[in-house]
Amino acid sequence: MVFNTGAALLDAIVLAVVSKDQEGTYGYKITQDVRGVLEVSESTLYPVLRRLQKDDCLEVYDMAYAGRNRRYYKLTEKGTAQLNLYKVEWKNYSSKISKMFEGGI
């Protein structure tokens, strides 16, 4: 992708991916889902997950899977509110940029 992806946009994308499953989802699946729209490495996404957890936007729990523990991430109430804010901000921002590209202001 030609455009840089800032921290806020990465946060918004990760929150959107995690929000798709109310029971939570695990790191590798989050990485794969994000890679469906952005070129991003696991080493980029795991710090995002930790930051969102530290900011109380995600809760984390471990569950056994195939003889190993798998870490799951789930949206908190604060995470849902933050995602809703990101959606509103993105709609406004992308609308303005689209208008600019189409010759308007």
N, C-alpha and C. Protein backbone atom coordinates (compact mmCIF):
# COMPACT_ATOMS: atom_id res chain seq x y z
N MET A 1 0.85 -1.18 0.00
CA MET A 1 0.00 0.00 0.00
C MET A 1 0.89 1.23 0.00
N VAL A 2 0.49 2.22 -0.73
CA VAL A 2 1.24 3.46 -0.87
C VAL A 2 1.11 4.33 0.37
N PHE A 3 -0.04 4.29 1.03
CA PHE A 3 -0.30 5.17 2.17
C PHE A 3 0.17 4.53 3.47
N ASN A 4 0.74 5.38 4.34
CA ASN A 4 1.16 4.90 5.66
C ASN A 4 -0.07 4.63 6.53
N THR A 5 0.06 3.64 7.38
CA THR A 5 -1.01 3.31 8.31
C THR A 5 -0.58 3.76 9.70
N GLY A 6 -1.25 4.77 10.22
CA GLY A 6 -0.90 5.30 11.54
C GLY A 6 -1.43 4.42 12.66
N ALA A 7 -1.01 4.74 13.87
CA ALA A 7 -1.40 3.96 15.04
C ALA A 7 -2.91 3.95 15.26
N ALA A 8 -3.55 5.09 15.08
CA ALA A 8 -5.00 5.16 15.31
C ALA A 8 -5.75 4.27 14.32
N LEU A 9 -5.31 4.27 13.07
CA LEU A 9 -5.99 3.44 12.07
C LEU A 9 -5.76 1.96 12.36
N LEU A 10 -4.55 1.60 12.77
CA LEU A 10 -4.29 0.21 13.16
C LEU A 10 -5.15 -0.20 14.35
N ASP A 11 -5.25 0.68 15.33
CA ASP A 11 -6.10 0.41 16.49
C ASP A 11 -7.54 0.17 16.04
N ALA A 12 -8.03 1.04 15.17
CA ALA A 12 -9.42 0.93 14.70
C ALA A 12 -9.64 -0.39 13.96
N ILE A 13 -8.70 -0.76 13.11
CA ILE A 13 -8.84 -2.00 12.34
C ILE A 13 -8.82 -3.21 13.27
N VAL A 14 -7.91 -3.22 14.23
CA VAL A 14 -7.84 -4.35 15.16
C VAL A 14 -9.11 -4.43 16.00
N LEU A 15 -9.60 -3.31 16.49
CA LEU A 15 -10.85 -3.33 17.26
C LEU A 15 -12.01 -3.83 16.40
N ALA A 16 -12.04 -3.44 15.13
CA ALA A 16 -13.10 -3.91 14.23
C ALA A 16 -13.02 -5.41 14.04
N VAL A 17 -11.82 -5.93 13.86
CA VAL A 17 -11.65 -7.38 13.68
C VAL A 17 -12.08 -8.13 14.93
N VAL A 18 -11.63 -7.67 16.09
CA VAL A 18 -11.97 -8.34 17.35
C VAL A 18 -13.48 -8.26 17.62
N SER A 19 -14.11 -7.19 17.21
CA SER A 19 -15.54 -7.00 17.48
C SER A 19 -16.42 -8.00 16.72
N LYS A 20 -15.88 -8.64 15.71
CA LYS A 20 -16.68 -9.56 14.88
C LYS A 20 -17.10 -10.81 15.65
N ASP A 21 -16.38 -11.14 16.71
CA ASP A 21 -16.69 -12.34 17.50
C ASP A 21 -16.88 -11.94 18.96
N GLN A 22 -18.10 -12.03 19.45
CA GLN A 22 -18.39 -11.59 20.83
C GLN A 22 -17.64 -12.39 21.88
N GLU A 23 -17.29 -13.62 21.57
CA GLU A 23 -16.55 -14.45 22.53
C GLU A 23 -15.06 -14.17 22.51
N GLY A 24 -14.62 -13.39 21.55
CA GLY A 24 -13.21 -13.06 21.42
C GLY A 24 -12.55 -13.88 20.32
N THR A 25 -11.37 -13.47 19.95
CA THR A 25 -10.61 -14.15 18.92
C THR A 25 -9.13 -14.13 19.30
N TYR A 26 -8.35 -14.97 18.67
CA TYR A 26 -6.95 -15.12 19.06
C TYR A 26 -6.01 -14.37 18.10
N GLY A 27 -4.80 -14.15 18.57
CA GLY A 27 -3.84 -13.31 17.88
C GLY A 27 -3.57 -13.68 16.44
N TYR A 28 -3.33 -14.96 16.16
CA TYR A 28 -3.01 -15.37 14.80
C TYR A 28 -4.17 -15.06 13.85
N LYS A 29 -5.38 -15.31 14.29
CA LYS A 29 -6.56 -15.04 13.45
C LYS A 29 -6.71 -13.54 13.22
N ILE A 30 -6.46 -12.76 14.26
CA ILE A 30 -6.51 -11.30 14.10
C ILE A 30 -5.51 -10.87 13.04
N THR A 31 -4.29 -11.40 13.12
CA THR A 31 -3.25 -11.07 12.15
C THR A 31 -3.70 -11.41 10.74
N GLN A 32 -4.26 -12.60 10.55
CA GLN A 32 -4.70 -13.03 9.22
C GLN A 32 -5.83 -12.14 8.70
N ASP A 33 -6.77 -11.79 9.57
CA ASP A 33 -7.89 -10.94 9.15
C ASP A 33 -7.41 -9.54 8.76
N VAL A 34 -6.49 -8.99 9.55
CA VAL A 34 -5.96 -7.66 9.24
C VAL A 34 -5.18 -7.71 7.92
N ARG A 35 -4.43 -8.79 7.73
CA ARG A 35 -3.66 -8.94 6.48
C ARG A 35 -4.57 -9.03 5.25
N GLY A 36 -5.84 -9.30 5.46
CA GLY A 36 -6.78 -9.31 4.36
C GLY A 36 -6.97 -7.92 3.75
N VAL A 37 -6.64 -6.89 4.53
CA VAL A 37 -6.80 -5.52 4.02
C VAL A 37 -5.51 -4.71 4.04
N LEU A 38 -4.53 -5.12 4.85
CA LEU A 38 -3.27 -4.39 4.98
C LEU A 38 -2.09 -5.34 5.01
N GLU A 39 -0.97 -4.89 4.47
CA GLU A 39 0.28 -5.62 4.62
C GLU A 39 0.84 -5.27 5.99
N VAL A 40 0.79 -6.21 6.90
CA VAL A 40 1.26 -5.93 8.26
C VAL A 40 1.82 -7.22 8.85
N SER A 41 2.85 -7.09 9.66
CA SER A 41 3.48 -8.27 10.25
C SER A 41 2.95 -8.52 11.66
N GLU A 42 3.17 -9.73 12.13
CA GLU A 42 2.78 -10.06 13.50
C GLU A 42 3.53 -9.18 14.48
N SER A 43 4.78 -8.87 14.17
CA SER A 43 5.58 -8.04 15.08
C SER A 43 5.04 -6.62 15.18
N THR A 44 4.22 -6.22 14.23
CA THR A 44 3.55 -4.92 14.30
C THR A 44 2.26 -5.03 15.09
N LEU A 45 1.53 -6.12 14.91
CA LEU A 45 0.20 -6.24 15.52
C LEU A 45 0.22 -6.56 17.00
N TYR A 46 1.15 -7.38 17.45
CA TYR A 46 1.13 -7.74 18.88
C TYR A 46 1.34 -6.54 19.80
N PRO A 47 2.20 -5.57 19.46
CA PRO A 47 2.26 -4.35 20.29
C PRO A 47 0.94 -3.57 20.28
N VAL A 48 0.23 -3.59 19.15
CA VAL A 48 -1.08 -2.94 19.08
C VAL A 48 -2.04 -3.61 20.05
N LEU A 49 -2.05 -4.94 20.04
CA LEU A 49 -2.92 -5.69 20.97
C LEU A 49 -2.57 -5.37 22.42
N ARG A 50 -1.28 -5.32 22.73
CA ARG A 50 -0.87 -5.00 24.11
C ARG A 50 -1.28 -3.58 24.50
N ARG A 51 -1.12 -2.64 23.57
CA ARG A 51 -1.51 -1.24 23.86
C ARG A 51 -3.01 -1.14 24.09
N LEU A 52 -3.81 -1.81 23.26
CA LEU A 52 -5.26 -1.78 23.42
C LEU A 52 -5.68 -2.44 24.73
N GLN A 53 -4.96 -3.47 25.12
CA GLN A 53 -5.23 -4.12 26.41
C GLN A 53 -4.89 -3.16 27.56
N LYS A 54 -3.73 -2.51 27.46
CA LYS A 54 -3.30 -1.57 28.49
C LYS A 54 -4.28 -0.41 28.62
N ASP A 55 -4.88 0.00 27.49
CA ASP A 55 -5.84 1.10 27.48
C ASP A 55 -7.26 0.66 27.85
N ASP A 56 -7.40 -0.59 28.29
CA ASP A 56 -8.69 -1.16 28.70
C ASP A 56 -9.71 -1.27 27.57
N CYS A 57 -9.22 -1.36 26.33
CA CYS A 57 -10.11 -1.56 25.20
C CYS A 57 -10.30 -3.05 24.89
N LEU A 58 -9.35 -3.85 25.34
CA LEU A 58 -9.42 -5.30 25.14
C LEU A 58 -9.22 -6.00 26.47
N GLU A 59 -9.95 -7.09 26.67
CA GLU A 59 -9.65 -7.98 27.78
C GLU A 59 -9.05 -9.24 27.18
N VAL A 60 -8.21 -9.88 27.95
CA VAL A 60 -7.45 -11.03 27.46
C VAL A 60 -7.72 -12.22 28.36
N TYR A 61 -7.87 -13.38 27.74
CA TYR A 61 -7.97 -14.61 28.51
C TYR A 61 -7.32 -15.74 27.71
N ASP A 62 -6.84 -16.75 28.43
CA ASP A 62 -6.22 -17.92 27.81
C ASP A 62 -7.16 -19.09 27.85
N MET A 63 -7.10 -19.91 26.82
CA MET A 63 -7.92 -21.12 26.76
C MET A 63 -7.09 -22.21 26.09
N ALA A 64 -7.23 -23.42 26.59
CA ALA A 64 -6.49 -24.54 26.01
C ALA A 64 -7.01 -24.84 24.61
N TYR A 65 -6.05 -25.12 23.70
CA TYR A 65 -6.40 -25.51 22.35
C TYR A 65 -5.29 -26.42 21.84
N ALA A 66 -5.65 -27.65 21.47
CA ALA A 66 -4.70 -28.63 20.94
C ALA A 66 -3.48 -28.80 21.84
N GLY A 67 -3.73 -28.88 23.14
CA GLY A 67 -2.66 -29.11 24.10
C GLY A 67 -1.82 -27.89 24.46
N ARG A 68 -2.20 -26.74 23.96
CA ARG A 68 -1.47 -25.50 24.25
C ARG A 68 -2.46 -24.44 24.71
N ASN A 69 -1.93 -23.42 25.34
CA ASN A 69 -2.77 -22.27 25.68
C ASN A 69 -2.82 -21.31 24.50
N ARG A 70 -4.00 -20.83 24.22
CA ARG A 70 -4.17 -19.84 23.16
C ARG A 70 -4.73 -18.59 23.81
N ARG A 71 -4.14 -17.45 23.50
CA ARG A 71 -4.57 -16.18 24.09
C ARG A 71 -5.67 -15.57 23.22
N TYR A 72 -6.77 -15.24 23.87
CA TYR A 72 -7.91 -14.64 23.19
C TYR A 72 -8.07 -13.19 23.61
N TYR A 73 -8.56 -12.40 22.68
CA TYR A 73 -8.79 -10.97 22.90
C TYR A 73 -10.27 -10.69 22.66
N LYS A 74 -10.84 -9.90 23.56
CA LYS A 74 -12.26 -9.59 23.50
C LYS A 74 -12.45 -8.11 23.79
N LEU A 75 -13.38 -7.47 23.08
CA LEU A 75 -13.65 -6.05 23.30
C LEU A 75 -14.27 -5.82 24.67
N THR A 76 -13.84 -4.77 25.32
CA THR A 76 -14.46 -4.31 26.55
C THR A 76 -15.51 -3.26 26.18
N GLU A 77 -16.21 -2.79 27.18
CA GLU A 77 -17.18 -1.72 26.95
C GLU A 77 -16.45 -0.47 26.41
N LYS A 78 -15.30 -0.18 26.99
CA LYS A 78 -14.51 0.97 26.53
C LYS A 78 -14.04 0.74 25.09
N GLY A 79 -13.66 -0.49 24.77
CA GLY A 79 -13.22 -0.82 23.41
C GLY A 79 -14.34 -0.64 22.40
N THR A 80 -15.55 -1.01 22.77
CA THR A 80 -16.70 -0.83 21.89
C THR A 80 -16.96 0.66 21.66
N ALA A 81 -16.87 1.45 22.72
CA ALA A 81 -17.07 2.90 22.59
C ALA A 81 -15.99 3.51 21.71
N GLN A 82 -14.75 3.07 21.89
CA GLN A 82 -13.64 3.58 21.08
C GLN A 82 -13.82 3.21 19.61
N LEU A 83 -14.25 1.97 19.36
CA LEU A 83 -14.50 1.54 17.99
C LEU A 83 -15.60 2.39 17.34
N ASN A 84 -16.66 2.67 18.08
CA ASN A 84 -17.73 3.51 17.55
C ASN A 84 -17.23 4.92 17.22
N LEU A 85 -16.37 5.46 18.05
CA LEU A 85 -15.77 6.77 17.79
C LEU A 85 -14.92 6.71 16.52
N TYR A 86 -14.10 5.66 16.40
CA TYR A 86 -13.28 5.50 15.20
C TYR A 86 -14.14 5.42 13.94
N LYS A 87 -15.26 4.73 14.01
CA LYS A 87 -16.14 4.59 12.85
C LYS A 87 -16.67 5.95 12.41
N VAL A 88 -17.11 6.76 13.36
CA VAL A 88 -17.62 8.10 13.04
C VAL A 88 -16.51 8.95 12.44
N GLU A 89 -15.35 8.94 13.09
CA GLU A 89 -14.22 9.74 12.60
C GLU A 89 -13.79 9.28 11.21
N TRP A 90 -13.75 7.97 10.98
CA TRP A 90 -13.35 7.44 9.67
C TRP A 90 -14.34 7.86 8.58
N LYS A 91 -15.62 7.80 8.90
CA LYS A 91 -16.63 8.18 7.92
C LYS A 91 -16.44 9.64 7.50
N ASN A 92 -16.24 10.52 8.47
CA ASN A 92 -16.02 11.94 8.17
C ASN A 92 -14.74 12.15 7.37
N TYR A 93 -13.67 11.53 7.82
CA TYR A 93 -12.36 11.68 7.18
C TYR A 93 -12.37 11.14 5.75
N SER A 94 -12.86 9.93 5.58
CA SER A 94 -12.84 9.32 4.24
C SER A 94 -13.77 10.06 3.28
N SER A 95 -14.86 10.60 3.78
CA SER A 95 -15.76 11.38 2.95
C SER A 95 -15.07 12.64 2.43
N LYS A 96 -14.34 13.33 3.29
CA LYS A 96 -13.62 14.54 2.88
C LYS A 96 -12.54 14.23 1.85
N ILE A 97 -11.79 13.15 2.07
CA ILE A 97 -10.73 12.76 1.15
C ILE A 97 -11.33 12.37 -0.19
N SER A 98 -12.41 11.61 -0.17
CA SER A 98 -13.06 11.20 -1.42
C SER A 98 -13.53 12.41 -2.21
N LYS A 99 -14.12 13.38 -1.52
CA LYS A 99 -14.56 14.60 -2.19
C LYS A 99 -13.39 15.33 -2.83
N MET A 100 -12.27 15.36 -2.11
CA MET A 100 -11.08 16.03 -2.64
C MET A 100 -10.59 15.33 -3.90
N PHE A 101 -10.53 14.01 -3.88
CA PHE A 101 -10.09 13.25 -5.04
C PHE A 101 -11.03 13.41 -6.23
N GLU A 102 -12.28 13.66 -5.95
CA GLU A 102 -13.28 13.77 -7.00
C GLU A 102 -13.42 15.22 -7.50
N GLY A 103 -12.57 16.09 -7.02
CA GLY A 103 -12.56 17.46 -7.51
C GLY A 103 -13.31 18.47 -6.67
N GLY A 104 -13.90 18.04 -5.59
CA GLY A 104 -14.61 18.95 -4.70
C GLY A 104 -13.74 19.35 -3.54
N ILE A 105 -14.38 20.04 -2.60
CA ILE A 105 -13.65 20.41 -1.37
C ILE A 105 -14.42 19.97 -0.17
